[in-house]
PDB file of N, CA and C in Angstrom:
ATOM      1  N   MET A   1      78.593  66.509  96.177  1.00  0.00           N
ATOM      2  CA  MET A   1      79.968  65.956  96.735  1.00  0.00           C
ATOM      3  C   MET A   1      79.358  64.732  97.471  1.00  0.00           C
ATOM      4  N   GLY A   2      79.935  63.232  97.480  1.00  0.00           N
ATOM      5  CA  GLY A   2      79.364  62.035  98.329  1.00  0.00           C
ATOM      6  C   GLY A   2      79.515  62.228  99.705  1.00  0.00           C
ATOM      7  N   ARG A   3      79.322  61.430 100.175  1.00  0.00           N
ATOM      8  CA  ARG A   3      79.228  61.077 102.141  1.00  0.00           C
ATOM      9  C   ARG A   3      80.460  61.556 102.452  1.00  0.00           C
ATOM     10  N   MET A   4      80.693  62.456 103.368  1.00  0.00           N
ATOM     11  CA  MET A   4      81.958  62.561 104.163  1.00  0.00           C
ATOM     12  C   MET A   4      82.211  61.859 104.953  1.00  0.00           C
ATOM     13  N   ASP A   5      84.107  61.447 104.829  1.00  0.00           N
ATOM     14  CA  ASP A   5      83.880  60.476 105.842  1.00  0.00           C
ATOM     15  C   ASP A   5      84.886  61.224 107.130  1.00  0.00           C
ATOM     16  N   ALA A   6      85.585  60.514 108.189  1.00  0.00           N
ATOM     17  CA  ALA A   6      85.868  60.960 109.394  1.00  0.00           C
ATOM     18  C   ALA A   6      86.724  62.070 109.008  1.00  0.00           C
ATOM     19  N   LEU A   7      88.067  61.135 108.103  1.00  0.00           N
ATOM     20  CA  LEU A   7      89.085  62.308 108.023  1.00  0.00           C
ATOM     21  C   LEU A   7      88.555  64.291 107.107  1.00  0.00           C
ATOM     22  N   ASP A   8      87.533  63.522 106.152  1.00  0.00           N
ATOM     23  CA  ASP A   8      87.094  64.838 105.984  1.00  0.00           C
ATOM     24  C   ASP A   8      86.489  66.119 106.536  1.00  0.00           C
ATOM     25  N   THR A   9      85.818  65.000 107.800  1.00  0.00           N
ATOM     26  CA  THR A   9      85.095  65.937 108.438  1.00  0.00           C
ATOM     27  C   THR A   9      86.233  67.110 109.273  1.00  0.00           C
ATOM     28  N   GLU A  10      87.621  65.883 109.760  1.00  0.00           N
ATOM     29  CA  GLU A  10      88.558  66.592 110.520  1.00  0.00           C
ATOM     30  C   GLU A  10      89.009  67.413 109.635  1.00  0.00           C
ATOM     31  N   ILE A  11      89.362  67.801 108.329  1.00  0.00           N
ATOM     32  CA  ILE A  11      89.702  68.661 107.812  1.00  0.00           C
ATOM     33  C   ILE A  11      89.244  69.687 107.489  1.00  0.00           C
ATOM     34  N   GLN A  12      87.783  69.481 107.171  1.00  0.00           N
ATOM     35  CA  GLN A  12      87.035  70.465 107.250  1.00  0.00           C
ATOM     36  C   GLN A  12      86.633  71.106 108.416  1.00  0.00           C
ATOM     37  N   THR A  13      87.051  70.603 109.793  1.00  0.00           N
ATOM     38  CA  THR A  13      87.113  70.818 111.362  1.00  0.00           C
ATOM     39  C   THR A  13      88.150  72.379 111.292  1.00  0.00           C
ATOM     40  N   ALA A  14      89.154  71.146 110.578  1.00  0.00           N
ATOM     41  CA  ALA A  14      90.766  72.100 111.255  1.00  0.00           C
ATOM     42  C   ALA A  14      90.287  73.465 110.671  1.00  0.00           C
ATOM     43  N   ALA A  15      89.985  73.503 109.165  1.00  0.00           N
ATOM     44  CA  ALA A  15      89.807  74.891 107.929  1.00  0.00           C
ATOM     45  C   ALA A  15      88.910  75.752 108.744  1.00  0.00           C
ATOM     46  N   ARG A  16      88.331  75.453 109.358  1.00  0.00           N
ATOM     47  CA  ARG A  16      87.266  76.379 109.946  1.00  0.00           C
ATOM     48  C   ARG A  16      88.213  76.990 111.163  1.00  0.00           C
ATOM     49  N   GLU A  17      88.940  76.186 112.216  1.00  0.00           N
ATOM     50  CA  GLU A  17      89.378  76.823 113.653  1.00  0.00           C
ATOM     51  C   GLU A  17      90.644  77.626 112.625  1.00  0.00           C
ATOM     52  N   ARG A  18      91.463  77.415 112.025  1.00  0.00           N
ATOM     53  CA  ARG A  18      92.231  78.369 110.877  1.00  0.00           C
ATOM     54  C   ARG A  18      91.909  79.484 110.818  1.00  0.00           C
ATOM     55  N   SER A  19      90.559  79.508 110.163  1.00  0.00           N
ATOM     56  CA  SER A  19      89.893  80.788 109.622  1.00  0.00           C
ATOM     57  C   SER A  19      89.631  81.532 111.137  1.00  0.00           C
ATOM     58  N   THR A  20      89.109  80.526 111.983  1.00  0.00           N
ATOM     59  CA  THR A  20      88.900  81.581 112.777  1.00  0.00           C
ATOM     60  C   THR A  20      90.091  82.055 113.636  1.00  0.00           C
ATOM     61  N   ALA A  21      90.879  81.347 114.371  1.00  0.00           N
ATOM     62  CA  ALA A  21      92.183  81.653 114.542  1.00  0.00           C
ATOM     63  C   ALA A  21      92.929  83.001 113.723  1.00  0.00           C
ATOM     64  N   GLU A  22      93.069  82.963 112.350  1.00  0.00           N
ATOM     65  CA  GLU A  22      93.775  84.094 111.736  1.00  0.00           C
ATOM     66  C   GLU A  22      92.595  84.937 111.889  1.00  0.00           C
ATOM     67  N   ALA A  23      91.317  84.890 112.126  1.00  0.00           N
ATOM     68  CA  ALA A  23      90.688  86.521 112.357  1.00  0.00           C
ATOM     69  C   ALA A  23      91.142  86.996 113.527  1.00  0.00           C
ATOM     70  N   ALA A  24      91.129  85.999 114.908  1.00  0.00           N
ATOM     71  CA  ALA A  24      91.454  86.524 115.917  1.00  0.00           C
ATOM     72  C   ALA A  24      93.398  86.672 115.817  1.00  0.00           C
ATOM     73  N   PHE A  25      93.874  86.374 115.017  1.00  0.00           N
ATOM     74  CA  PHE A  25      94.992  86.929 114.963  1.00  0.00           C
ATOM     75  C   PHE A  25      95.502  88.444 114.028  1.00  0.00           C
ATOM     76  N   LEU A  26      94.488  88.639 113.494  1.00  0.00           N
ATOM     77  CA  LEU A  26      94.524  89.951 112.604  1.00  0.00           C
ATOM     78  C   LEU A  26      94.349  91.152 113.617  1.00  0.00           C
ATOM     79  N   GLN A  27      93.288  90.335 114.144  1.00  0.00           N
ATOM     80  CA  GLN A  27      92.207  91.641 114.958  1.00  0.00           C
ATOM     81  C   GLN A  27      93.246  91.980 116.569  1.00  0.00           C
ATOM     82  N   ALA A  28      94.151  91.030 116.869  1.00  0.00           N
ATOM     83  CA  ALA A  28      95.220  91.344 118.020  1.00  0.00           C
ATOM     84  C   ALA A  28      96.209  91.906 117.490  1.00  0.00           C
ATOM     85  N   ASP A  29      96.265  91.735 116.062  1.00  0.00           N
ATOM     86  CA  ASP A  29      98.020  92.715 115.581  1.00  0.00           C
ATOM     87  C   ASP A  29      97.326  93.984 114.892  1.00  0.00           C
ATOM     88  N   ALA A  30      95.852  94.040 114.703  1.00  0.00           N
ATOM     89  CA  ALA A  30      95.841  95.541 114.324  1.00  0.00           C
ATOM     90  C   ALA A  30      95.755  96.260 115.996  1.00  0.00           C
ATOM     91  N   ARG A  31      95.122  96.030 116.898  1.00  0.00           N
ATOM     92  CA  ARG A  31      95.245  96.564 118.243  1.00  0.00           C
ATOM     93  C   ARG A  31      96.614  96.628 118.995  1.00  0.00           C
ATOM     94  N   LEU A  32      97.894  96.054 118.422  1.00  0.00           N
ATOM     95  CA  LEU A  32      98.775  96.167 118.860  1.00  0.00           C
ATOM     96  C   LEU A  32      99.287  96.937 118.197  1.00  0.00           C
ATOM     97  N   ARG A  33      99.613  97.426 117.049  1.00  0.00           N
ATOM     98  CA  ARG A  33      99.854  98.173 116.263  1.00  0.00           C
ATOM     99  C   ARG A  33      99.359  99.495 116.739  1.00  0.00           C
ATOM    100  N   GLU A  34      98.062  99.690 116.797  1.00  0.00           N
ATOM    101  CA  GLU A  34      97.730 101.025 117.456  1.00  0.00           C
ATOM    102  C   GLU A  34      97.985 101.453 118.803  1.00  0.00           C
ATOM    103  N   LEU A  35      98.706 100.619 119.688  1.00  0.00           N
ATOM    104  CA  LEU A  35      98.932 100.754 120.687  1.00  0.00           C
ATOM    105  C   LEU A  35     100.236 100.804 120.866  1.00  0.00           C
ATOM    106  N   LEU A  36     100.812 100.592 119.819  1.00  0.00           N
ATOM    107  CA  LEU A  36     102.557 101.227 119.768  1.00  0.00           C
ATOM    108  C   LEU A  36     102.651 101.880 118.975  1.00  0.00           C
ATOM    109  N   VAL A  37     101.368 102.682 117.849  1.00  0.00           N
ATOM    110  CA  VAL A  37     101.315 104.156 117.307  1.00  0.00           C
ATOM    111  C   VAL A  37     101.182 105.147 118.708  1.00  0.00           C
ATOM    112  N   GLN A  38     100.263 104.460 119.515  1.00  0.00           N
ATOM    113  CA  GLN A  38      99.843 105.663 120.798  1.00  0.00           C
ATOM    114  C   GLN A  38     101.443 105.621 121.838  1.00  0.00           C
ATOM    115  N   GLY A  39     101.980 104.590 121.843  1.00  0.00           N
ATOM    116  CA  GLY A  39     102.700 104.399 123.152  1.00  0.00           C
ATOM    117  C   GLY A  39     104.261 105.398 122.548  1.00  0.00           C
ATOM    118  N   ARG A  40     104.276 105.565 120.989  1.00  0.00           N
ATOM    119  CA  ARG A  40     105.156 106.464 120.866  1.00  0.00           C
ATOM    120  C   ARG A  40     105.153 108.375 120.158  1.00  0.00           C
ATOM    121  N   ALA A  41     103.704 108.250 120.587  1.00  0.00           N
ATOM    122  CA  ALA A  41     102.754 109.872 120.527  1.00  0.00           C
ATOM    123  C   ALA A  41     102.792 109.736 121.996  1.00  0.00           C
ATOM    124  N   ALA A  42     102.911 108.709 122.744  1.00  0.00           N
ATOM    125  CA  ALA A  42     103.335 109.331 124.427  1.00  0.00           C
ATOM    126  C   ALA A  42     104.935 109.195 124.605  1.00  0.00           C
ATOM    127  N   ASN A  43     105.718 109.294 123.578  1.00  0.00           N
ATOM    128  CA  ASN A  43     107.150 109.658 123.924  1.00  0.00           C
ATOM    129  C   ASN A  43     107.849 108.378 124.392  1.00  0.00           C
ATOM    130  N   LYS A  44     107.261 107.278 124.348  1.00  0.00           N
ATOM    131  CA  LYS A  44     107.938 105.943 124.732  1.00  0.00           C
ATOM    132  C   LYS A  44     108.370 104.983 123.729  1.00  0.00           C
ATOM    133  N   GLY A  45     109.859 104.512 123.627  1.00  0.00           N
ATOM    134  CA  GLY A  45     111.056 104.477 122.983  1.00  0.00           C
ATOM    135  C   GLY A  45     110.532 103.104 122.686  1.00  0.00           C
ATOM    136  N   PRO A  46     111.205 103.107 121.008  1.00  0.00           N
ATOM    137  CA  PRO A  46     110.975 101.516 120.761  1.00  0.00           C
ATOM    138  C   PRO A  46     111.965 100.395 121.741  1.00  0.00           C
ATOM    139  N   SER A  47     113.069 100.996 121.989  1.00  0.00           N
ATOM    140  CA  SER A  47     113.510  99.945 122.782  1.00  0.00           C
ATOM    141  C   SER A  47     112.737  99.132 124.462  1.00  0.00           C
ATOM    142  N   HIS A  48     112.061 100.284 124.931  1.00  0.00           N
ATOM    143  CA  HIS A  48     111.319 100.398 125.676  1.00  0.00           C
ATOM    144  C   HIS A  48     109.668  98.929 125.372  1.00  0.00           C
ATOM    145  N   MET A  49     109.462  99.350 124.198  1.00  0.00           N
ATOM    146  CA  MET A  49     108.456  99.060 123.599  1.00  0.00           C
ATOM    147  C   MET A  49     108.955  97.213 123.074  1.00  0.00           C
ATOM    148  N   ALA A  50     109.865  97.108 122.971  1.00  0.00           N
ATOM    149  CA  ALA A  50     110.250  96.143 122.472  1.00  0.00           C
ATOM    150  C   ALA A  50     110.248  95.225 123.584  1.00  0.00           C
ATOM    151  N   LYS A  51     110.868  96.061 124.469  1.00  0.00           N
ATOM    152  CA  LYS A  51     111.063  94.960 125.712  1.00  0.00           C
ATOM    153  C   LYS A  51     109.415  94.359 126.275  1.00  0.00           C
ATOM    154  N   LEU A  52     108.637  95.246 126.291  1.00  0.00           N
ATOM    155  CA  LEU A  52     107.102  95.216 126.506  1.00  0.00           C
ATOM    156  C   LEU A  52     106.649  93.137 125.827  1.00  0.00           C
ATOM    157  N   THR A  53     106.911  93.750 124.437  1.00  0.00           N
ATOM    158  CA  THR A  53     106.296  92.786 123.599  1.00  0.00           C
ATOM    159  C   THR A  53     107.034  91.614 123.103  1.00  0.00           C
ATOM    160  N   GLY A  54     108.469  91.667 123.088  1.00  0.00           N
ATOM    161  CA  GLY A  54     109.026  90.763 122.594  1.00  0.00           C
ATOM    162  C   GLY A  54     109.653  91.241 121.126  1.00  0.00           C
ATOM    163  N   PHE A  55     109.475  92.004 120.612  1.00  0.00           N
ATOM    164  CA  PHE A  55     109.463  92.113 119.294  1.00  0.00           C
ATOM    165  C   PHE A  55     110.394  92.818 118.932  1.00  0.00           C
ATOM    166  N   THR A  56     111.406  93.065 117.977  1.00  0.00           N
ATOM    167  CA  THR A  56     113.100  93.904 118.107  1.00  0.00           C
ATOM    168  C   THR A  56     112.366  95.236 117.741  1.00  0.00           C
ATOM    169  N   ARG A  57     113.420  96.186 118.252  1.00  0.00           N
ATOM    170  CA  ARG A  57     113.354  97.817 117.993  1.00  0.00           C
ATOM    171  C   ARG A  57     113.034  98.196 116.839  1.00  0.00           C
ATOM    172  N   GLU A  58     113.469  97.528 115.703  1.00  0.00           N
ATOM    173  CA  GLU A  58     113.561  97.752 114.534  1.00  0.00           C
ATOM    174  C   GLU A  58     112.189  97.901 114.100  1.00  0.00           C
ATOM    175  N   TRP A  59     111.356  96.674 114.416  1.00  0.00           N
ATOM    176  CA  TRP A  59     110.124  96.242 114.400  1.00  0.00           C
ATOM    177  C   TRP A  59     109.272  97.130 114.602  1.00  0.00           C
ATOM    178  N   ILE A  60     109.460  97.621 116.067  1.00  0.00           N
ATOM    179  CA  ILE A  60     108.282  98.623 116.824  1.00  0.00           C
ATOM    180  C   ILE A  60     108.872  99.799 115.619  1.00  0.00           C
ATOM    181  N   SER A  61     109.685 100.152 115.220  1.00  0.00           N
ATOM    182  CA  SER A  61     110.399 101.520 114.794  1.00  0.00           C
ATOM    183  C   SER A  61     109.905 101.534 113.073  1.00  0.00           C
ATOM    184  N   LYS A  62     109.568 100.608 113.157  1.00  0.00           N
ATOM    185  CA  LYS A  62     108.696 100.604 111.628  1.00  0.00           C
ATOM    186  C   LYS A  62     107.220 100.593 111.642  1.00  0.00           C
ATOM    187  N   ILE A  63     106.774  99.933 112.044  1.00  0.00           N
ATOM    188  CA  ILE A  63     105.197  99.760 112.811  1.00  0.00           C
ATOM    189  C   ILE A  63     104.641 101.604 113.138  1.00  0.00           C
ATOM    190  N   ALA A  64     105.556 101.880 114.362  1.00  0.00           N
ATOM    191  CA  ALA A  64     105.055 102.894 114.560  1.00  0.00           C
ATOM    192  C   ALA A  64     106.407 103.921 114.873  1.00  0.00           C
ATOM    193  N   PRO A  65     106.847 104.952 113.692  1.00  0.00           N
ATOM    194  CA  PRO A  65     107.643 105.502 113.718  1.00  0.00           C
ATOM    195  C   PRO A  65     107.724 106.466 114.616  1.00  0.00           C
ATOM    196  N   ASP A  66     108.584 107.732 115.289  1.00  0.00           N
ATOM    197  CA  ASP A  66     108.431 109.012 116.053  1.00  0.00           C
ATOM    198  C   ASP A  66     107.748 109.710 115.272  1.00  0.00           C
ATOM    199  N   PRO A  67     106.743 109.951 115.594  1.00  0.00           N
ATOM    200  CA  PRO A  67     105.717 111.269 114.847  1.00  0.00           C
ATOM    201  C   PRO A  67     106.691 112.209 114.802  1.00  0.00           C
ATOM    202  N   GLY A  68     107.318 112.891 115.215  1.00  0.00           N
ATOM    203  CA  GLY A  68     107.843 114.458 115.601  1.00  0.00           C
ATOM    204  C   GLY A  68     109.643 114.342 114.371  1.00  0.00           C
ATOM    205  N   LYS A  69     109.765 112.774 114.332  1.00  0.00           N
ATOM    206  CA  LYS A  69     111.057 112.808 113.186  1.00  0.00           C
ATOM    207  C   LYS A  69     110.571 112.766 112.175  1.00  0.00           C
ATOM    208  N   SER A  70     109.074 111.984 111.928  1.00  0.00           N
ATOM    209  CA  SER A  70     108.918 111.750 110.666  1.00  0.00           C
ATOM    210  C   SER A  70     108.535 113.244 110.083  1.00  0.00           C
ATOM    211  N   ARG A  71     107.763 114.448 110.797  1.00  0.00           N
ATOM    212  CA  ARG A  71     107.762 115.373 110.429  1.00  0.00           C
ATOM    213  C   ARG A  71     109.155 116.234 110.013  1.00  0.00           C
ATOM    214  N   GLN A  72     110.201 116.216 111.073  1.00  0.00           N
ATOM    215  CA  GLN A  72     111.239 116.806 110.751  1.00  0.00           C
ATOM    216  C   GLN A  72     111.817 116.523 109.250  1.00  0.00           C
ATOM    217  N   ASP A  73     112.048 115.019 109.360  1.00  0.00           N
ATOM    218  CA  ASP A  73     112.691 114.418 107.929  1.00  0.00           C
ATOM    219  C   ASP A  73     111.590 115.611 106.311  1.00  0.00           C
ATOM    220  N   ALA A  74     110.084 115.395 106.803  1.00  0.00           N
ATOM    221  CA  ALA A  74     109.217 115.816 105.395  1.00  0.00           C
ATOM    222  C   ALA A  74     109.663 117.644 105.588  1.00  0.00           C
ATOM    223  N   ILE A  75     110.284 117.952 106.489  1.00  0.00           N
ATOM    224  CA  ILE A  75     110.695 120.128 106.904  1.00  0.00           C
ATOM    225  C   ILE A  75     111.443 119.544 105.577  1.00  0.00           C
ATOM    226  N   GLN A  76     112.927 118.530 106.062  1.00  0.00           N
ATOM    227  CA  GLN A  76     114.172 118.684 105.637  1.00  0.00           C
ATOM    228  C   GLN A  76     114.315 118.320 104.091  1.00  0.00           C
ATOM    229  N   ARG A  77     113.163 117.339 103.713  1.00  0.00           N
ATOM    230  CA  ARG A  77     113.646 117.218 102.309  1.00  0.00           C
ATOM    231  C   ARG A  77     112.658 118.459 101.549  1.00  0.00           C
ATOM    232  N   ARG A  78     111.747 118.770 102.158  1.00  0.00           N
ATOM    233  CA  ARG A  78     111.298 119.961 101.384  1.00  0.00           C
ATOM    234  C   ARG A  78     112.294 121.594 101.303  1.00  0.00           C
ATOM    235  N   LEU A  79     113.508 121.298 102.355  1.00  0.00           N
ATOM    236  CA  LEU A  79     114.534 122.188 102.422  1.00  0.00           C
ATOM    237  C   LEU A  79     115.314 122.151 101.148  1.00  0.00           C
ATOM    238  N   ASP A  80     115.548 120.598 101.372  1.00  0.00           N
ATOM    239  CA  ASP A  80     116.472 119.674 100.204  1.00  0.00           C
ATOM    240  C   ASP A  80     116.329 120.343  98.989  1.00  0.00           C
ATOM    241  N   ARG A  81     114.893 120.069  98.518  1.00  0.00           N
ATOM    242  CA  ARG A  81     114.751 120.603  97.523  1.00  0.00           C
ATOM    243  C   ARG A  81     114.509 121.948  97.011  1.00  0.00           C
ATOM    244  N   LEU A  82     114.785 123.058  97.741  1.00  0.00           N
ATOM    245  CA  LEU A  82     114.334 124.287  97.721  1.00  0.00           C
ATOM    246  C   LEU A  82     115.319 124.996  97.663  1.00  0.00           C
ATOM    247  N   ASN A  83     116.909 124.154  98.132  1.00  0.00           N
ATOM    248  CA  ASN A  83     117.798 124.581  98.061  1.00  0.00           C
ATOM    249  C   ASN A  83     118.428 124.030  96.757  1.00  0.00           C
ATOM    250  N   ALA A  84     118.119 122.379  96.101  1.00  0.00           N
ATOM    251  CA  ALA A  84     118.720 121.760  95.043  1.00  0.00           C
ATOM    252  C   ALA A  84     118.048 122.772  93.916  1.00  0.00           C
ATOM    253  N   ASP A  85     116.713 123.277  93.730  1.00  0.00           N
ATOM    254  CA  ASP A  85     116.253 124.175  92.759  1.00  0.00           C
ATOM    255  C   ASP A  85     116.873 125.773  92.200  1.00  0.00           C
ATOM    256  N   SER A  86     117.477 126.441  93.736  1.00  0.00           N
ATOM    257  CA  SER A  86     117.975 127.629  93.542  1.00  0.00           C
ATOM    258  C   SER A  86     119.430 127.156  93.379  1.00  0.00           C
ATOM    259  N   ASP A  87     120.216 126.015  93.213  1.00  0.00           N
ATOM    260  CA  ASP A  87     121.554 125.999  92.671  1.00  0.00           C
ATOM    261  C   ASP A  87     121.492 126.293  91.470  1.00  0.00           C
TER     262      ASP A  87
END
């Protein structure tokens, strides 16, 4: 590649900054998701955590489902399958 002009240098710098910002975002996102899961395990509701984060409670529920409900749903699915097999 030939010599770089000022615009080439700015583009390259902006690309590096974006890459750094993306890595920081992904790290912060992973940390937040981890904390949301811990919050649900500590019986904090999605509405409460939505107020803290500014995200919707639906998004919170998707990222950190109620651990007890997931287990109950799995048990119910198994029971439904057993009942369907016995019919």
